[in-house]
Amino acid sequence: MKLNTVYSKQEFNKIHKFMPSWNYDEEYTDEEIDSFDEEIEDVLDSSGYITEDGIFLTNMIDKLRTIPEYWG
């Protein structure tokens, strides 16, 4: 799966500030997407859930987890 199938470029650019090792157009395995999910959750834990960044990250986690390819 590519992250560009989940996120807009603008959304990804904001995520990329927290997680610079991920690429928008790269194909990732299911295991790598699981790692991305864990990493974004760790970033959320350190940012706080009720901050502007925390709310954004929560929305991005929800967006990832609601697409059929995530469960595929």
N, C-alpha and C. Protein backbone atom coordinates (compact mmCIF):
# COMPACT_ATOMS: atom_id res chain seq x y z
N MET A 1 0.85 -1.17 0.00
CA MET A 1 0.00 0.00 0.00
C MET A 1 0.90 1.24 0.00
N LYS A 2 0.46 2.25 -0.68
CA LYS A 2 1.15 3.53 -0.68
C LYS A 2 0.38 4.49 0.22
N LEU A 3 1.11 5.32 0.94
CA LEU A 3 0.46 6.28 1.82
C LEU A 3 -0.32 7.33 1.05
N ASN A 4 0.02 7.50 -0.24
CA ASN A 4 -0.73 8.48 -1.04
C ASN A 4 -2.12 7.98 -1.41
N THR A 5 -2.42 6.71 -1.13
CA THR A 5 -3.78 6.22 -1.33
C THR A 5 -4.65 6.50 -0.11
N VAL A 6 -4.01 6.91 0.98
CA VAL A 6 -4.73 7.17 2.23
C VAL A 6 -4.82 8.68 2.50
N TYR A 7 -3.70 9.36 2.34
CA TYR A 7 -3.60 10.75 2.74
C TYR A 7 -3.41 11.68 1.56
N SER A 8 -3.93 12.89 1.69
CA SER A 8 -3.64 13.93 0.70
C SER A 8 -2.18 14.35 0.90
N LYS A 9 -1.63 15.02 -0.07
CA LYS A 9 -0.24 15.49 0.04
C LYS A 9 -0.10 16.44 1.23
N GLN A 10 -1.07 17.29 1.44
CA GLN A 10 -1.04 18.22 2.56
C GLN A 10 -1.05 17.48 3.91
N GLU A 11 -1.92 16.48 4.03
CA GLU A 11 -1.96 15.69 5.26
C GLU A 11 -0.63 14.98 5.48
N PHE A 12 -0.11 14.37 4.42
CA PHE A 12 1.14 13.65 4.56
C PHE A 12 2.28 14.58 4.95
N ASN A 13 2.34 15.76 4.36
CA ASN A 13 3.41 16.69 4.70
C ASN A 13 3.40 17.03 6.18
N LYS A 14 2.23 17.15 6.76
CA LYS A 14 2.14 17.42 8.20
C LYS A 14 2.59 16.19 9.00
N ILE A 15 2.19 15.00 8.58
CA ILE A 15 2.65 13.77 9.24
C ILE A 15 4.16 13.65 9.11
N HIS A 16 4.67 13.98 7.94
CA HIS A 16 6.11 13.83 7.64
C HIS A 16 6.97 14.67 8.58
N LYS A 17 6.44 15.77 9.09
CA LYS A 17 7.19 16.58 10.07
C LYS A 17 7.48 15.78 11.33
N PHE A 18 6.58 14.89 11.69
CA PHE A 18 6.75 14.06 12.88
C PHE A 18 7.49 12.76 12.57
N MET A 19 7.33 12.28 11.34
CA MET A 19 7.83 10.96 10.96
C MET A 19 8.55 11.05 9.61
N PRO A 20 9.75 11.63 9.59
CA PRO A 20 10.42 11.93 8.32
C PRO A 20 10.93 10.71 7.55
N SER A 21 10.93 9.55 8.14
CA SER A 21 11.47 8.38 7.44
C SER A 21 10.49 7.75 6.45
N TRP A 22 9.24 8.23 6.44
CA TRP A 22 8.22 7.66 5.56
C TRP A 22 8.08 8.48 4.29
N ASN A 23 7.77 7.80 3.18
CA ASN A 23 7.64 8.46 1.88
C ASN A 23 6.23 8.33 1.34
N TYR A 24 5.78 9.38 0.72
CA TYR A 24 4.41 9.49 0.22
C TYR A 24 4.11 8.52 -0.91
N ASP A 25 5.06 8.33 -1.82
CA ASP A 25 4.83 7.53 -3.03
C ASP A 25 5.41 6.12 -2.98
N GLU A 26 5.99 5.73 -1.88
CA GLU A 26 6.62 4.41 -1.79
C GLU A 26 5.59 3.33 -1.48
N GLU A 27 5.79 2.16 -2.07
CA GLU A 27 4.93 1.00 -1.80
C GLU A 27 5.43 0.32 -0.52
N TYR A 28 4.53 0.13 0.43
CA TYR A 28 4.88 -0.50 1.71
C TYR A 28 4.15 -1.82 1.87
N THR A 29 4.82 -2.76 2.52
CA THR A 29 4.20 -4.05 2.82
C THR A 29 3.20 -3.87 3.96
N ASP A 30 2.39 -4.88 4.18
CA ASP A 30 1.43 -4.84 5.30
C ASP A 30 2.15 -4.66 6.63
N GLU A 31 3.30 -5.32 6.78
CA GLU A 31 4.07 -5.21 8.01
C GLU A 31 4.60 -3.79 8.20
N GLU A 32 5.03 -3.17 7.11
CA GLU A 32 5.52 -1.79 7.20
C GLU A 32 4.38 -0.83 7.54
N ILE A 33 3.21 -1.06 6.99
CA ILE A 33 2.06 -0.22 7.32
C ILE A 33 1.69 -0.40 8.79
N ASP A 34 1.82 -1.62 9.32
CA ASP A 34 1.60 -1.84 10.75
C ASP A 34 2.61 -1.03 11.57
N SER A 35 3.86 -0.99 11.11
CA SER A 35 4.89 -0.20 11.80
C SER A 35 4.57 1.29 11.74
N PHE A 36 4.10 1.74 10.58
CA PHE A 36 3.68 3.14 10.43
C PHE A 36 2.57 3.45 11.43
N ASP A 37 1.60 2.58 11.53
CA ASP A 37 0.47 2.74 12.45
C ASP A 37 0.98 2.84 13.89
N GLU A 38 1.90 1.96 14.27
CA GLU A 38 2.45 1.98 15.62
C GLU A 38 3.24 3.27 15.87
N GLU A 39 4.01 3.67 14.86
CA GLU A 39 4.83 4.88 15.02
C GLU A 39 3.97 6.13 15.16
N ILE A 40 2.93 6.24 14.34
CA ILE A 40 2.07 7.42 14.43
C ILE A 40 1.34 7.45 15.77
N GLU A 41 1.02 6.28 16.30
CA GLU A 41 0.39 6.21 17.62
C GLU A 41 1.37 6.63 18.71
N ASP A 42 2.64 6.24 18.57
CA ASP A 42 3.67 6.67 19.53
C ASP A 42 3.86 8.19 19.50
N VAL A 43 3.85 8.75 18.29
CA VAL A 43 3.97 10.21 18.16
C VAL A 43 2.77 10.88 18.84
N LEU A 44 1.60 10.33 18.63
CA LEU A 44 0.40 10.86 19.27
C LEU A 44 0.53 10.81 20.79
N ASP A 45 1.01 9.69 21.32
CA ASP A 45 1.18 9.56 22.77
C ASP A 45 2.11 10.64 23.32
N SER A 46 3.17 10.96 22.57
CA SER A 46 4.12 11.96 23.05
C SER A 46 3.63 13.39 22.82
N SER A 47 2.73 13.60 21.86
CA SER A 47 2.22 14.96 21.57
C SER A 47 1.08 15.35 22.47
N GLY A 48 0.38 14.37 22.97
CA GLY A 48 -0.81 14.66 23.76
C GLY A 48 -2.06 14.61 22.89
N TYR A 49 -3.10 14.07 23.44
CA TYR A 49 -4.33 13.83 22.68
C TYR A 49 -5.18 15.08 22.48
N ILE A 50 -5.04 16.05 23.35
CA ILE A 50 -5.93 17.21 23.26
C ILE A 50 -5.25 18.44 22.67
N THR A 51 -4.07 18.26 22.12
CA THR A 51 -3.39 19.36 21.43
C THR A 51 -3.86 19.39 19.98
N GLU A 52 -3.55 20.47 19.29
CA GLU A 52 -3.91 20.55 17.87
C GLU A 52 -3.25 19.41 17.09
N ASP A 53 -1.97 19.15 17.37
CA ASP A 53 -1.28 18.06 16.69
C ASP A 53 -1.88 16.71 17.07
N GLY A 54 -2.24 16.55 18.32
CA GLY A 54 -2.83 15.30 18.77
C GLY A 54 -4.16 15.01 18.09
N ILE A 55 -4.97 16.02 17.95
CA ILE A 55 -6.26 15.85 17.27
C ILE A 55 -6.04 15.49 15.81
N PHE A 56 -5.10 16.17 15.16
CA PHE A 56 -4.77 15.86 13.77
C PHE A 56 -4.30 14.41 13.64
N LEU A 57 -3.37 14.00 14.49
CA LEU A 57 -2.83 12.64 14.41
C LEU A 57 -3.92 11.60 14.69
N THR A 58 -4.80 11.86 15.63
CA THR A 58 -5.92 10.96 15.89
C THR A 58 -6.77 10.79 14.64
N ASN A 59 -7.05 11.89 13.96
CA ASN A 59 -7.83 11.83 12.72
C ASN A 59 -7.10 11.04 11.64
N MET A 60 -5.78 11.18 11.57
CA MET A 60 -5.01 10.46 10.55
C MET A 60 -4.94 8.96 10.85
N ILE A 61 -4.88 8.60 12.12
CA ILE A 61 -4.92 7.18 12.51
C ILE A 61 -6.27 6.60 12.13
N ASP A 62 -7.33 7.31 12.46
CA ASP A 62 -8.68 6.85 12.11
C ASP A 62 -8.84 6.70 10.61
N LYS A 63 -8.29 7.64 9.86
CA LYS A 63 -8.39 7.59 8.40
C LYS A 63 -7.70 6.34 7.87
N LEU A 64 -6.52 6.03 8.39
CA LEU A 64 -5.78 4.84 7.96
C LEU A 64 -6.56 3.57 8.30
N ARG A 65 -7.07 3.50 9.50
CA ARG A 65 -7.71 2.27 9.98
C ARG A 65 -9.10 2.03 9.39
N THR A 66 -9.66 3.00 8.71
CA THR A 66 -11.00 2.81 8.15
C THR A 66 -10.99 2.43 6.67
N ILE A 67 -9.82 2.38 6.04
CA ILE A 67 -9.80 1.98 4.63
C ILE A 67 -9.72 0.46 4.54
N PRO A 68 -10.40 -0.14 3.58
CA PRO A 68 -10.42 -1.60 3.46
C PRO A 68 -9.03 -2.22 3.27
N GLU A 69 -8.13 -1.52 2.57
CA GLU A 69 -6.79 -2.06 2.33
C GLU A 69 -6.02 -2.28 3.62
N TYR A 70 -6.32 -1.50 4.65
CA TYR A 70 -5.64 -1.65 5.93
C TYR A 70 -5.92 -3.02 6.54
N TRP A 71 -7.11 -3.50 6.36
CA TRP A 71 -7.53 -4.77 6.95
C TRP A 71 -7.31 -5.95 6.01
N GLY A 72 -6.92 -5.65 4.75
CA GLY A 72 -6.86 -6.60 3.69
C GLY A 72 -6.00 -7.74 3.75
